[in-house]
N, C-alpha and C. Protein backbone atom coordinates (compact mmCIF):
# COMPACT_ATOMS: atom_id res chain seq x y z
N MET A 1 128.07 69.13 150.78
CA MET A 1 129.25 69.06 151.32
C MET A 1 129.94 70.17 151.21
N THR A 2 130.32 70.98 150.07
CA THR A 2 130.94 72.45 150.47
C THR A 2 130.56 72.95 151.86
N GLN A 3 129.28 72.72 151.75
CA GLN A 3 128.63 73.71 153.00
C GLN A 3 128.95 73.82 154.06
N SER A 4 129.54 72.45 154.35
CA SER A 4 129.04 71.69 155.71
C SER A 4 130.74 72.07 156.70
N VAL A 5 131.44 73.04 155.61
CA VAL A 5 133.13 72.88 155.86
C VAL A 5 132.72 73.77 157.21
N THR A 6 133.25 73.21 158.06
CA THR A 6 133.74 74.51 158.99
C THR A 6 135.06 74.59 159.76
N ARG A 7 136.39 73.39 159.21
CA ARG A 7 137.42 73.81 159.68
C ARG A 7 138.46 73.62 158.71
N GLU A 8 138.38 72.45 157.94
CA GLU A 8 139.38 72.77 156.96
C GLU A 8 139.39 71.81 155.74
N ALA A 9 139.24 72.52 154.52
CA ALA A 9 139.14 71.60 153.35
C ALA A 9 139.82 71.72 152.33
N LEU A 10 140.67 70.88 152.13
CA LEU A 10 141.55 70.08 150.94
C LEU A 10 141.04 69.38 149.96
N ILE A 11 141.10 70.15 148.97
CA ILE A 11 140.58 69.94 147.25
C ILE A 11 142.07 69.72 146.23
N LEU A 12 142.26 68.42 146.08
CA LEU A 12 143.11 67.98 144.84
C LEU A 12 142.45 67.96 143.77
N LEU A 13 142.98 68.51 142.55
CA LEU A 13 142.56 68.21 141.56
C LEU A 13 143.88 68.46 140.34
N PRO A 14 143.37 67.14 139.41
CA PRO A 14 144.50 66.43 138.75
C PRO A 14 145.03 67.15 137.64
N TYR A 15 143.99 68.22 136.83
CA TYR A 15 144.28 69.53 135.50
C TYR A 15 143.49 70.38 136.10
N ASP A 16 143.89 71.44 134.90
CA ASP A 16 143.43 73.15 135.45
C ASP A 16 141.87 72.72 134.76
N LYS A 17 141.71 72.41 133.89
CA LYS A 17 139.94 72.63 133.71
C LYS A 17 139.26 71.71 134.90
N ALA A 18 139.14 71.37 135.71
CA ALA A 18 138.81 70.74 136.66
C ALA A 18 138.64 71.93 137.63
N PHE A 19 139.12 72.73 137.78
CA PHE A 19 138.75 73.59 138.48
C PHE A 19 137.89 74.82 137.97
N VAL A 20 137.66 74.60 136.75
CA VAL A 20 136.97 75.84 135.69
C VAL A 20 135.12 74.98 136.13
N ARG A 21 135.59 73.58 136.12
CA ARG A 21 134.36 72.94 136.12
C ARG A 21 133.62 72.93 137.52
N ILE A 22 134.62 72.63 138.87
CA ILE A 22 133.87 72.93 140.06
C ILE A 22 133.50 74.36 140.52
N ASP A 23 134.01 74.85 139.39
CA ASP A 23 133.74 76.47 139.88
C ASP A 23 131.78 77.10 139.20
N ARG A 24 131.94 76.19 137.73
CA ARG A 24 130.76 76.18 137.35
C ARG A 24 129.87 75.72 138.05
N LEU A 25 130.00 74.36 138.77
CA LEU A 25 129.09 73.57 139.36
C LEU A 25 128.66 74.20 141.42
N GLY A 26 129.39 75.36 141.18
CA GLY A 26 129.20 76.57 142.59
C GLY A 26 129.60 76.02 143.63
N ILE A 27 130.92 74.83 143.51
CA ILE A 27 131.37 73.89 144.47
C ILE A 27 132.77 75.10 145.35
N VAL A 28 132.81 76.27 144.65
CA VAL A 28 133.76 77.33 144.73
C VAL A 28 133.25 78.15 146.08
N ASP A 29 132.16 78.75 145.34
CA ASP A 29 131.98 80.26 146.51
C ASP A 29 131.73 79.58 148.28
N PRO A 30 130.65 78.51 148.29
CA PRO A 30 130.38 77.55 149.01
C PRO A 30 131.85 78.07 150.04
N LEU A 31 132.98 77.32 148.97
CA LEU A 31 134.48 77.38 150.08
C LEU A 31 134.92 78.63 150.38
N LEU A 32 134.70 79.29 149.76
CA LEU A 32 135.12 81.19 149.52
C LEU A 32 134.50 81.48 151.69
N LYS A 33 133.07 80.93 151.57
CA LYS A 33 132.55 81.85 152.50
C LYS A 33 133.18 80.87 154.20
N ALA A 34 133.08 79.77 153.85
CA ALA A 34 133.91 78.88 154.69
C ALA A 34 135.10 79.15 155.13
N SER A 35 135.80 80.11 154.13
CA SER A 35 137.50 80.67 154.40
C SER A 35 136.92 81.92 154.92
N GLU A 36 135.43 82.65 154.43
CA GLU A 36 135.89 83.67 155.26
C GLU A 36 135.19 83.79 156.32
N ASN A 37 134.54 82.78 157.01
CA ASN A 37 134.20 82.12 158.39
C ASN A 37 135.38 81.65 159.09
N GLY A 38 136.39 81.33 159.04
CA GLY A 38 137.13 81.16 159.50
C GLY A 38 137.99 79.63 159.20
N ALA A 39 137.81 79.03 158.20
CA ALA A 39 137.70 77.42 158.21
C ALA A 39 139.14 77.85 157.14
N THR A 40 140.09 76.92 157.25
CA THR A 40 141.31 76.56 156.58
C THR A 40 141.15 75.84 154.85
N VAL A 41 140.88 77.08 153.76
CA VAL A 41 140.69 75.81 152.23
C VAL A 41 142.17 76.22 151.79
N LYS A 42 141.71 74.57 151.14
CA LYS A 42 143.43 75.02 150.26
C LYS A 42 142.41 73.74 149.04
N ILE A 43 142.97 74.54 147.82
CA ILE A 43 142.88 73.94 146.26
C ILE A 43 144.20 74.18 145.75
N ILE A 44 144.24 72.90 145.64
CA ILE A 44 145.49 72.47 145.02
C ILE A 44 145.83 71.59 143.64
N CYS A 45 146.30 73.05 142.14
CA CYS A 45 145.52 72.23 141.32
C CYS A 45 146.67 72.90 139.77
N PRO A 46 146.92 72.27 139.02
CA PRO A 46 147.70 73.48 138.16
C PRO A 46 147.59 74.64 138.14
N LEU A 47 148.65 75.46 137.26
CA LEU A 47 147.89 77.27 137.06
C LEU A 47 148.20 76.88 135.58
N THR A 48 147.55 77.72 135.10
CA THR A 48 147.76 77.95 133.48
C THR A 48 147.05 79.01 133.48
N GLY A 49 147.35 79.79 132.21
CA GLY A 49 146.93 80.71 132.00
C GLY A 49 145.37 81.17 132.43
N GLU A 50 144.54 79.80 131.74
CA GLU A 50 143.50 80.27 131.64
C GLU A 50 142.72 80.54 133.28
N LEU A 51 143.61 80.17 134.31
CA LEU A 51 142.84 79.63 135.87
C LEU A 51 143.12 81.09 136.36
N LYS A 52 144.41 81.83 135.45
CA LYS A 52 145.17 82.73 136.05
C LYS A 52 144.39 83.95 136.80
N ASP A 53 143.66 84.36 135.83
CA ASP A 53 142.55 85.37 135.92
C ASP A 53 141.15 84.40 137.63
N SER A 54 140.86 83.41 136.86
CA SER A 54 140.28 83.35 138.24
C SER A 54 140.88 82.79 139.87
N GLY A 55 142.08 82.54 139.18
CA GLY A 55 142.94 82.60 140.85
C GLY A 55 143.13 84.09 141.86
N GLU A 56 143.16 84.75 140.49
CA GLU A 56 143.05 86.45 141.66
C GLU A 56 141.93 86.99 141.91
N ASN A 57 140.89 86.47 141.39
CA ASN A 57 139.70 86.26 141.97
C ASN A 57 139.20 85.97 143.39
N ILE A 58 139.88 85.31 143.17
CA ILE A 58 140.03 84.17 145.14
C ILE A 58 140.59 84.65 145.87
């Protein structure tokens, strides 16, 4: 599903560990590629100390 994003993607995550899970599942990388190709990608989730390092990489 994330590999077919061409225009816009909005991901709403209820808690911080959900972001870690989607990253481990390999969902974040295709979203980053879609963003590089001109798509608008928004990921909304609570930010904690554990995610600050991951957020800086994105």
